[in-house]
Amino acid sequence: MNSGRIKGGALLVLAISQLIIALDYTIIFVAMPSIGEELGFSASHLQWVVSAYSLTFGGFLLLGGRLSDLMGRRNMFMIALSLFGLGSLLGGLADTQLMLIIARGLQGFGGALLSPATLSLITSNFEEGPERNRAMGIWAAMGGVGMSLGLLLGGVLTNFISWEATFFVNVPIVLLTLLLAPVVLKESVVLNGHKHVDIGGTFSITVGMLFVVYYLIQSPISGWRSTSTLIFLVIGAAILVVFIFIEKHVQKPLINFRMFRNRNLTGAAIVAFLFSASFGTLYYFLTLYTQNVLHFTAIQSGFSFLPLTLSAFLGAKLINPMLARVGLAGTIASGMALGGIGFLLLTQLSPLGSAWGIIPGTIIIGIGRALVFTTMFIAGSTGVNPSEQGISSAMINTGQQIGGAIGLAIIMAIISVSLGSDSTLETMSPILLNSAIHTVFIISAVITLIGIIVSFAALKQVPRGIK
């Protein structure tokens, strides 16, 4: 098997892993009513079908990044993928609420280990420069495809088979990927003679992140100043302070704070936060528009995201030329600018509109999304020690997870104040909901403007001829 064919196979395996992580995030949305009805979930408990995944994914990312560096990226990739597949199988077999929530948590845990391993394998299997940038572009585009396809596939499977099929669909994909991985992926391990695990740091950062992420997930439901949720934020923040103390005094820390001196890594983590706070909320609010304002079926709503998906592939092809011309900061700033333009176009959506009105804005956003999402990971891997690629990838992913949660919280708070309505978005009238969605897209456009400023201020300027 020649080198080109092996690298093609490696890219296929890594792209598929990104596809199923993104797919699993949105495929469950359409199935939620059927799950709630069949398993007897109350409205307040049903959200944990989503939250169990988000909690474990966000809480264990840094642990996953470090384990990837220590145990070998391919080994961790296969372990993580197996856990994700097992969670999917258990989810499809679940006949109780508890079993389903445990299965979703296992999927999230597998995803938290899988995502940093996947990114590290891209850096170790593809040469820095155009080859790696192209691989990351395809990997990122598959994330967009997965999120859009999840909405469509979730509707098709739930309507024509059952909600269980939204879990079972992952199993054969996982099995095929596990068979290919040992053949096409090159192993990458730490070669410095020690594999020390910072137990104190690992425990404190994981527990602290779990508490903080729980607060961000539960507060929109229970209230941001509710004692029942605020206590988790306080305890989580205290544990994170302990983590910082441990890291400064332990001989082999989980996260060496020296890494933050790398402007590209720090800047990429901030960009990831802003990216998720703006671009990351699009799927949720466009789904509300198509289903609750235009009254599309789940399948029609899924198809309305196809222009966004296709434009992401176009954006992926522009990454290398953009990097060569304007560097990392310029490419991210351009993507943020395109996103801002697209969000402003979406503020023209009408309660009496159609799917055609969505297309111009989503095409522009899709191109911008590809430029930002891919380049922020390229930036985050630039100048990072090979033995720390896993943890650096996890840091960017963590910024992305926290950014999405905080961004949504800010958006919901502003909507509540601006509209003066106590009703939820799902129960608003189409006219009021349409107005709320306009507010969302204005806020998102403002966040992309901040992203432009941050990209030039925080990222190190890379020569125009980046290779």
Protein backbone atom coordinates (compact mmCIF):
# COMPACT_ATOMS: atom_id res chain seq x y z
CA MET A 1 0.00 0.00 0.00
CA ASN A 2 1.63 3.29 -1.08
CA SER A 3 1.99 6.35 1.15
CA GLY A 4 -0.65 8.39 -0.69
CA ARG A 5 -3.23 5.66 -0.35
CA ILE A 6 -2.46 5.20 3.36
CA LYS A 7 -2.82 8.94 3.96
CA GLY A 8 -6.09 8.93 2.03
CA GLY A 9 -7.32 6.12 4.26
CA ALA A 10 -6.14 7.98 7.37
CA LEU A 11 -8.02 11.09 6.29
CA LEU A 12 -11.16 9.01 5.65
CA VAL A 13 -11.00 7.47 9.13
CA LEU A 14 -10.39 10.80 10.88
CA ALA A 15 -13.10 12.56 8.88
CA ILE A 16 -15.62 9.83 9.72
CA SER A 17 -14.83 10.18 13.43
CA GLN A 18 -15.54 13.91 13.23
CA LEU A 19 -18.71 13.20 11.28
CA ILE A 20 -20.20 10.91 13.93
CA ILE A 21 -19.32 13.27 16.81
CA ALA A 22 -21.10 16.15 15.04
CA LEU A 23 -23.92 13.90 13.82
CA ASP A 24 -24.62 12.68 17.32
CA TYR A 25 -24.96 16.22 18.63
CA THR A 26 -27.93 17.12 16.40
CA ILE A 27 -29.50 13.79 15.46
CA ILE A 28 -31.05 13.50 18.91
CA PHE A 29 -32.96 16.80 18.68
CA VAL A 30 -35.68 15.53 16.36
CA ALA A 31 -36.02 12.26 18.27
CA MET A 32 -36.57 13.94 21.65
CA PRO A 33 -40.40 14.05 21.59
CA SER A 34 -40.59 10.33 20.71
CA ILE A 35 -38.05 9.46 23.42
CA GLY A 36 -39.94 11.47 26.01
CA GLU A 37 -43.25 9.85 25.14
CA GLU A 38 -42.00 6.25 25.04
CA LEU A 39 -39.78 6.34 28.14
CA GLY A 40 -42.03 8.65 30.16
CA PHE A 41 -39.63 11.56 30.61
CA SER A 42 -41.01 14.72 32.20
CA ALA A 43 -40.25 17.99 30.39
CA SER A 44 -37.59 18.93 32.97
CA HIS A 45 -35.87 15.52 32.87
CA LEU A 46 -35.92 15.09 29.08
CA GLN A 47 -33.26 17.76 28.58
CA TRP A 48 -30.77 15.45 30.31
CA VAL A 49 -30.79 13.25 27.22
CA VAL A 50 -28.84 16.13 25.65
CA SER A 51 -27.15 17.45 28.78
CA ALA A 52 -25.62 14.12 29.84
CA TYR A 53 -23.66 14.13 26.58
CA SER A 54 -22.63 17.80 26.88
CA LEU A 55 -21.61 17.44 30.54
CA THR A 56 -19.26 14.50 30.07
CA PHE A 57 -17.91 15.80 26.75
CA GLY A 58 -17.02 19.20 28.21
CA GLY A 59 -15.82 17.86 31.56
CA PHE A 60 -13.40 15.21 30.33
CA LEU A 61 -11.82 16.96 27.33
CA LEU A 62 -8.58 17.96 29.07
CA LEU A 63 -8.21 14.49 30.54
CA GLY A 64 -8.71 13.05 27.07
CA GLY A 65 -6.07 15.34 25.63
CA ARG A 66 -3.47 14.35 28.19
CA LEU A 67 -4.21 10.63 27.93
CA SER A 68 -3.86 10.94 24.17
CA ASP A 69 -0.36 12.39 24.60
CA LEU A 70 0.69 9.70 27.10
CA MET A 71 -0.94 6.52 25.79
CA GLY A 72 -0.52 7.08 22.08
CA ARG A 73 -2.97 8.92 19.81
CA ARG A 74 -4.00 5.87 17.77
CA ASN A 75 -4.49 3.74 20.89
CA MET A 76 -6.64 6.42 22.50
CA PHE A 77 -8.54 6.96 19.24
CA MET A 78 -9.54 3.30 19.15
CA ILE A 79 -10.41 3.15 22.87
CA ALA A 80 -12.48 6.32 22.62
CA LEU A 81 -14.25 5.19 19.47
CA SER A 82 -15.09 1.86 21.13
CA LEU A 83 -16.59 3.69 24.14
CA PHE A 84 -18.59 5.93 21.81
CA GLY A 85 -19.87 2.90 19.90
CA LEU A 86 -20.77 1.09 23.12
CA GLY A 87 -22.69 4.14 24.32
CA SER A 88 -24.56 4.23 21.00
CA LEU A 89 -25.45 0.54 21.27
CA LEU A 90 -26.66 0.92 24.86
CA GLY A 91 -28.68 3.99 23.87
CA GLY A 92 -30.50 2.05 21.18
CA LEU A 93 -31.19 -0.79 23.62
CA ALA A 94 -32.27 1.51 26.48
CA ASP A 95 -35.71 0.78 27.91
CA THR A 96 -35.46 3.04 30.99
CA GLN A 97 -34.68 6.72 31.52
CA LEU A 98 -31.60 5.98 33.62
CA MET A 99 -30.12 3.58 31.06
CA LEU A 100 -30.55 6.12 28.27
CA ILE A 101 -28.95 8.94 30.27
CA ILE A 102 -26.01 6.67 31.21
CA ALA A 103 -25.62 5.73 27.53
CA ARG A 104 -25.56 9.40 26.51
CA GLY A 105 -22.97 10.11 29.19
CA LEU A 106 -20.83 7.25 27.86
CA GLN A 107 -21.12 8.69 24.34
CA GLY A 108 -20.01 12.08 25.65
CA PHE A 109 -17.09 10.53 27.55
CA GLY A 110 -16.02 8.68 24.41
CA GLY A 111 -16.31 11.90 22.41
CA ALA A 112 -14.17 13.79 24.97
CA LEU A 113 -11.40 11.22 24.53
CA LEU A 114 -11.90 10.95 20.78
CA SER A 115 -11.81 14.59 19.73
CA PRO A 116 -8.26 15.49 20.96
CA ALA A 117 -6.91 12.14 19.74
CA THR A 118 -8.34 12.81 16.28
CA LEU A 119 -6.80 16.26 16.04
CA SER A 120 -3.44 14.98 17.28
CA LEU A 121 -3.49 12.23 14.66
CA ILE A 122 -3.97 14.84 11.95
CA THR A 123 -0.82 16.63 13.12
CA SER A 124 1.17 13.37 13.32
CA ASN A 125 -0.08 11.78 10.08
CA PHE A 126 0.11 14.85 7.81
CA GLU A 127 3.04 17.18 7.22
CA GLU A 128 2.74 20.76 8.49
CA GLY A 129 1.74 23.12 5.72
CA PRO A 130 -0.68 22.67 2.79
CA GLU A 131 -1.01 18.90 3.32
CA ARG A 132 -2.09 19.26 6.95
CA ASN A 133 -4.22 22.31 6.21
CA ARG A 134 -6.10 20.37 3.51
CA ALA A 135 -6.65 17.46 5.89
CA MET A 136 -7.93 19.80 8.59
CA GLY A 137 -10.19 21.50 6.05
CA ILE A 138 -11.84 18.22 5.10
CA TRP A 139 -12.03 17.18 8.77
CA ALA A 140 -13.72 20.48 9.68
CA ALA A 141 -16.12 20.32 6.73
CA MET A 142 -17.25 16.88 7.89
CA GLY A 143 -18.20 18.47 11.21
CA GLY A 144 -20.54 20.84 9.40
CA VAL A 145 -21.91 17.99 7.32
CA GLY A 146 -22.52 15.93 10.45
CA MET A 147 -24.49 18.66 12.21
CA SER A 148 -26.69 19.31 9.17
CA LEU A 149 -27.06 15.63 8.30
CA GLY A 150 -27.97 14.87 11.92
CA LEU A 151 -31.09 17.02 11.71
CA LEU A 152 -32.17 15.40 8.43
CA LEU A 153 -31.23 11.84 9.36
CA GLY A 154 -32.82 12.19 12.80
CA GLY A 155 -36.14 13.09 11.18
CA VAL A 156 -35.98 10.28 8.61
CA LEU A 157 -34.99 7.57 11.11
CA THR A 158 -37.46 8.66 13.78
CA ASN A 159 -40.37 9.02 11.35
CA PHE A 160 -39.83 5.86 9.34
CA ILE A 161 -38.12 3.48 11.80
CA SER A 162 -37.88 4.53 15.48
CA TRP A 163 -35.93 6.81 17.78
CA GLU A 164 -33.67 3.87 18.66
CA ALA A 165 -32.34 3.96 15.10
CA THR A 166 -30.73 7.35 15.80
CA PHE A 167 -28.38 5.49 18.17
CA PHE A 168 -27.95 2.25 16.22
CA VAL A 169 -26.84 4.14 13.08
CA ASN A 170 -23.49 4.88 14.75
CA VAL A 171 -22.64 1.24 15.49
CA PRO A 172 -21.73 -0.04 11.99
CA ILE A 173 -19.84 3.20 11.27
CA VAL A 174 -17.79 2.73 14.43
CA LEU A 175 -17.06 -0.91 13.65
CA LEU A 176 -15.86 -0.10 10.12
CA THR A 177 -13.65 2.71 11.41
CA LEU A 178 -12.13 0.46 14.09
CA LEU A 179 -11.20 -2.08 11.43
CA LEU A 180 -9.50 0.54 9.25
CA ALA A 181 -7.72 2.53 11.98
CA PRO A 182 -4.82 0.08 12.72
CA VAL A 183 -4.08 -0.20 9.01
CA VAL A 184 -4.07 3.45 7.94
CA LEU A 185 -3.22 5.47 11.07
CA LYS A 186 0.38 5.98 12.15
CA GLU A 187 0.87 5.74 15.91
CA SER A 188 2.22 8.78 17.75
CA VAL A 189 3.53 8.48 21.32
CA VAL A 190 5.62 10.36 23.83
CA LEU A 191 9.27 9.36 23.38
CA ASN A 192 10.86 11.13 26.34
CA GLY A 193 11.05 8.02 28.51
CA HIS A 194 8.37 8.81 31.09
CA LYS A 195 4.60 8.61 31.14
CA HIS A 196 3.84 10.40 34.39
CA VAL A 197 0.19 11.17 35.13
CA ASP A 198 -0.54 14.22 37.27
CA ILE A 199 -3.25 12.59 39.43
CA GLY A 200 -4.05 15.67 41.50
CA GLY A 201 -4.21 17.97 38.50
CA THR A 202 -6.21 15.48 36.44
CA PHE A 203 -8.76 14.93 39.21
CA SER A 204 -9.18 18.62 40.08
CA ILE A 205 -9.52 19.91 36.49
CA THR A 206 -11.98 17.16 35.58
CA VAL A 207 -14.19 17.62 38.66
CA GLY A 208 -13.96 21.41 38.45
CA MET A 209 -14.93 21.40 34.76
CA LEU A 210 -17.81 18.99 35.43
CA PHE A 211 -19.22 21.32 38.08
CA VAL A 212 -18.85 24.45 35.95
CA VAL A 213 -20.34 22.78 32.84
CA TYR A 214 -23.23 21.45 34.96
CA TYR A 215 -23.95 25.00 36.11
CA LEU A 216 -23.95 26.28 32.52
CA ILE A 217 -26.28 23.48 31.40
CA GLN A 218 -28.75 23.57 34.29
CA SER A 219 -28.98 27.31 34.98
CA PRO A 220 -31.15 28.21 31.94
CA ILE A 221 -33.73 25.84 33.43
CA SER A 222 -33.37 26.41 37.17
CA GLY A 223 -32.23 30.04 37.08
CA TRP A 224 -28.79 31.66 36.91
CA ARG A 225 -28.97 32.85 40.52
CA SER A 226 -30.70 29.78 41.88
CA THR A 227 -28.94 28.33 44.92
CA SER A 228 -29.40 24.83 43.50
CA THR A 229 -27.17 25.67 40.53
CA LEU A 230 -24.99 28.51 41.84
CA ILE A 231 -23.41 26.21 44.42
CA PHE A 232 -21.97 24.10 41.58
CA LEU A 233 -20.35 27.16 40.02
CA VAL A 234 -18.82 28.24 43.33
CA ILE A 235 -17.48 24.77 44.15
CA GLY A 236 -16.27 24.24 40.58
CA ALA A 237 -14.43 27.59 40.56
CA ALA A 238 -12.82 26.76 43.91
CA ILE A 239 -11.64 23.39 42.62
CA LEU A 240 -10.18 25.07 39.52
CA VAL A 241 -8.22 27.43 41.79
CA VAL A 242 -6.87 24.34 43.56
CA PHE A 243 -5.95 22.95 40.14
CA ILE A 244 -3.88 26.05 39.35
CA PHE A 245 -2.08 25.72 42.70
CA ILE A 246 -1.32 22.04 42.01
CA GLU A 247 -0.02 22.73 38.51
CA LYS A 248 2.37 25.39 39.77
CA HIS A 249 3.94 23.04 42.30
CA VAL A 250 3.86 19.58 40.74
CA GLN A 251 6.95 18.36 38.86
CA LYS A 252 5.12 17.08 35.77
CA PRO A 253 1.89 19.11 35.45
CA LEU A 254 -1.13 18.12 33.39
CA ILE A 255 -1.03 21.56 31.75
CA ASN A 256 2.25 23.40 31.67
CA PHE A 257 1.32 27.09 31.93
CA ARG A 258 4.30 27.78 29.70
CA MET A 259 1.98 26.71 26.86
CA PHE A 260 -0.01 29.93 27.28
CA ARG A 261 3.05 31.89 26.17
CA ASN A 262 2.32 30.51 22.70
CA ARG A 263 0.23 33.37 21.30
CA ASN A 264 -1.27 31.20 18.61
CA LEU A 265 -2.50 28.58 21.08
CA THR A 266 -3.93 31.14 23.50
CA GLY A 267 -5.44 33.14 20.65
CA ALA A 268 -6.94 29.99 19.11
CA ALA A 269 -8.63 29.08 22.42
CA ILE A 270 -10.17 32.58 22.65
CA VAL A 271 -11.26 32.41 19.00
CA ALA A 272 -12.81 28.98 19.66
CA PHE A 273 -14.80 30.50 22.52
CA LEU A 274 -16.11 33.33 20.31
CA PHE A 275 -16.69 31.01 17.35
CA SER A 276 -18.92 28.70 19.38
CA ALA A 277 -20.73 31.62 21.02
CA SER A 278 -21.75 32.91 17.57
CA PHE A 279 -21.61 30.27 14.83
CA GLY A 280 -22.36 27.47 17.30
CA THR A 281 -25.87 28.70 18.13
CA LEU A 282 -26.98 28.86 14.49
CA TYR A 283 -28.34 25.31 14.20
CA TYR A 284 -30.56 25.64 17.26
CA PHE A 285 -32.13 28.97 16.29
CA LEU A 286 -32.51 28.17 12.58
CA THR A 287 -34.24 24.93 13.58
CA LEU A 288 -36.64 26.99 15.73
CA TYR A 289 -37.28 29.31 12.78
CA THR A 290 -37.96 26.57 10.26
CA GLN A 291 -40.08 24.39 12.57
CA ASN A 292 -41.84 26.87 14.88
CA VAL A 293 -42.16 29.88 12.56
CA LEU A 294 -42.39 28.32 9.08
CA HIS A 295 -43.87 25.07 10.46
CA PHE A 296 -41.57 22.81 8.44
CA THR A 297 -41.50 19.10 9.15
CA ALA A 298 -38.30 17.71 10.66
CA ILE A 299 -37.22 16.39 7.24
CA GLN A 300 -37.91 19.73 5.51
CA SER A 301 -35.99 21.52 8.24
CA GLY A 302 -33.03 19.18 7.76
CA PHE A 303 -32.96 19.81 4.00
CA SER A 304 -32.94 23.58 4.62
CA PHE A 305 -29.42 23.20 6.08
CA LEU A 306 -27.96 21.69 2.90
CA PRO A 307 -26.72 25.05 1.48
CA LEU A 308 -24.83 25.60 4.75
CA THR A 309 -23.26 22.14 4.44
CA LEU A 310 -22.25 22.52 0.79
CA SER A 311 -20.77 25.98 1.31
CA ALA A 312 -18.59 24.57 4.11
CA PHE A 313 -16.86 22.37 1.51
CA LEU A 314 -16.19 25.48 -0.60
CA GLY A 315 -14.75 27.22 2.44
CA ALA A 316 -12.47 24.24 3.09
CA LYS A 317 -10.97 24.59 -0.40
CA LEU A 318 -10.17 28.26 0.25
CA ILE A 319 -8.11 27.68 3.40
CA ASN A 320 -4.67 27.06 1.84
CA PRO A 321 -4.91 30.02 -0.58
CA MET A 322 -6.14 32.27 2.25
CA LEU A 323 -3.35 31.18 4.60
CA ALA A 324 -0.76 31.81 1.90
CA ARG A 325 -2.09 35.31 1.25
CA VAL A 326 -3.18 36.70 4.62
CA GLY A 327 -1.86 34.26 7.26
CA LEU A 328 -3.62 32.85 10.30
CA ALA A 329 -5.06 36.08 11.69
CA GLY A 330 -6.27 37.29 8.31
CA THR A 331 -7.95 33.99 7.48
CA ILE A 332 -9.80 33.83 10.82
CA ALA A 333 -10.77 37.51 10.58
CA SER A 334 -12.12 36.95 7.06
CA GLY A 335 -14.18 33.99 8.24
CA MET A 336 -15.56 36.00 11.17
CA ALA A 337 -16.42 38.87 8.79
CA LEU A 338 -18.28 36.53 6.45
CA GLY A 339 -20.14 35.11 9.43
CA GLY A 340 -21.14 38.60 10.55
CA ILE A 341 -22.45 39.45 7.07
CA GLY A 342 -24.41 36.19 6.96
CA PHE A 343 -25.96 36.79 10.39
CA LEU A 344 -27.04 40.29 9.36
CA LEU A 345 -28.68 38.86 6.23
CA LEU A 346 -30.59 36.41 8.43
CA THR A 347 -32.07 39.32 10.41
CA GLN A 348 -34.28 39.86 7.36
CA LEU A 349 -36.10 36.54 7.85
CA SER A 350 -39.88 36.94 7.94
CA PRO A 351 -42.66 34.94 9.64
CA LEU A 352 -44.20 34.70 6.16
CA GLY A 353 -40.95 33.75 4.44
CA SER A 354 -39.73 30.51 2.93
CA ALA A 355 -36.65 28.31 2.89
CA TRP A 356 -35.28 30.40 0.02
CA GLY A 357 -34.80 33.35 2.36
CA ILE A 358 -32.36 31.33 4.45
CA ILE A 359 -30.03 30.41 1.60
CA PRO A 360 -27.97 33.61 1.02
CA GLY A 361 -27.10 34.06 4.69
CA THR A 362 -26.34 30.41 5.37
CA ILE A 363 -24.10 30.07 2.30
CA ILE A 364 -21.97 33.01 3.45
CA ILE A 365 -21.94 31.71 7.04
CA GLY A 366 -20.95 28.24 5.82
CA ILE A 367 -17.87 29.58 4.04
CA GLY A 368 -16.92 31.71 7.04
CA ARG A 369 -17.49 28.81 9.44
CA ALA A 370 -15.08 26.60 7.52
CA LEU A 371 -12.38 29.29 7.48
CA VAL A 372 -12.60 29.99 11.22
CA PHE A 373 -13.15 26.45 12.52
CA THR A 374 -10.31 24.91 10.56
CA THR A 375 -7.82 27.74 10.98
CA MET A 376 -8.26 28.02 14.74
CA PHE A 377 -7.06 24.41 15.09
CA ILE A 378 -4.21 25.01 12.66
CA ALA A 379 -3.21 28.03 14.76
CA GLY A 380 -3.49 26.04 17.97
CA SER A 381 -1.08 23.39 16.69
CA THR A 382 1.50 25.89 15.41
CA GLY A 383 4.65 25.95 17.52
CA VAL A 384 3.31 23.38 20.01
CA ASN A 385 5.62 20.61 21.24
CA PRO A 386 4.64 17.30 19.56
CA SER A 387 4.29 15.70 23.01
CA GLU A 388 1.64 18.32 23.91
CA GLN A 389 -0.51 18.26 20.77
CA GLY A 390 -3.27 16.31 22.51
CA ILE A 391 -3.62 18.66 25.45
CA SER A 392 -3.43 21.72 23.17
CA SER A 393 -6.25 20.33 21.03
CA ALA A 394 -8.28 19.71 24.19
CA MET A 395 -7.70 23.31 25.34
CA ILE A 396 -9.15 24.65 22.10
CA ASN A 397 -12.05 22.20 22.30
CA THR A 398 -12.73 23.26 25.89
CA GLY A 399 -12.83 26.91 24.83
CA GLN A 400 -15.33 25.91 22.17
CA GLN A 401 -17.55 24.00 24.64
CA ILE A 402 -17.57 26.76 27.25
CA GLY A 403 -18.09 29.42 24.59
CA GLY A 404 -21.20 27.68 23.29
CA ALA A 405 -22.73 27.40 26.76
CA ILE A 406 -21.93 30.97 27.82
CA GLY A 407 -22.88 32.40 24.42
CA LEU A 408 -26.29 30.74 24.56
CA ALA A 409 -26.77 31.95 28.14
CA ILE A 410 -26.00 35.56 27.19
CA ILE A 411 -28.26 35.38 24.16
CA MET A 412 -31.17 33.97 26.19
CA ALA A 413 -30.74 36.63 28.89
CA ILE A 414 -30.75 39.46 26.32
CA ILE A 415 -33.82 38.03 24.59
CA SER A 416 -35.65 37.81 27.91
CA VAL A 417 -34.88 41.45 28.73
CA SER A 418 -35.50 42.84 25.23
CA LEU A 419 -38.82 41.06 24.65
CA GLY A 420 -40.02 41.18 28.24
CA SER A 421 -41.57 37.74 27.83
CA ASP A 422 -41.67 34.96 30.40
CA SER A 423 -42.57 32.33 27.81
CA THR A 424 -39.97 29.95 26.41
CA LEU A 425 -38.79 30.23 22.82
CA GLU A 426 -40.57 26.99 21.96
CA THR A 427 -43.94 28.37 23.16
CA MET A 428 -43.71 31.88 21.70
CA SER A 429 -45.99 32.97 18.90
CA PRO A 430 -44.36 32.85 15.43
CA ILE A 431 -44.17 36.67 15.22
CA LEU A 432 -42.60 37.06 18.66
CA LEU A 433 -40.22 34.14 18.05
CA ASN A 434 -39.17 35.62 14.71
CA SER A 435 -38.32 38.88 16.50
CA ALA A 436 -36.33 36.97 19.11
CA ILE A 437 -34.37 35.16 16.40
CA HIS A 438 -33.53 38.51 14.77
CA THR A 439 -32.08 39.61 18.12
CA VAL A 440 -30.04 36.39 18.27
CA PHE A 441 -28.45 37.00 14.88
CA ILE A 442 -27.62 40.63 15.73
CA ILE A 443 -25.84 39.43 18.89
CA SER A 444 -24.00 36.78 16.87
CA ALA A 445 -22.87 39.42 14.37
CA VAL A 446 -21.50 41.54 17.24
CA ILE A 447 -19.58 38.53 18.60
CA THR A 448 -18.02 37.94 15.17
CA LEU A 449 -16.85 41.58 15.20
CA ILE A 450 -15.12 40.90 18.52
CA GLY A 451 -13.64 37.80 16.88
CA ILE A 452 -12.09 39.93 14.13
CA ILE A 453 -10.44 42.19 16.72
CA VAL A 454 -9.17 39.23 18.77
CA SER A 455 -7.74 37.43 15.73
CA PHE A 456 -5.47 40.36 14.89
CA ALA A 457 -4.64 41.21 18.52
CA ALA A 458 -4.02 37.72 19.89
CA LEU A 459 -2.65 35.64 17.03
CA LYS A 460 0.97 35.84 16.01
CA GLN A 461 1.33 37.06 12.47
CA VAL A 462 2.59 34.20 10.29
CA PRO A 463 4.48 35.06 7.07
CA ARG A 464 2.33 35.26 3.99
CA GLY A 465 4.02 32.30 2.38
CA ILE A 466 3.00 29.87 5.11
CA LYS A 467 3.84 26.32 4.16
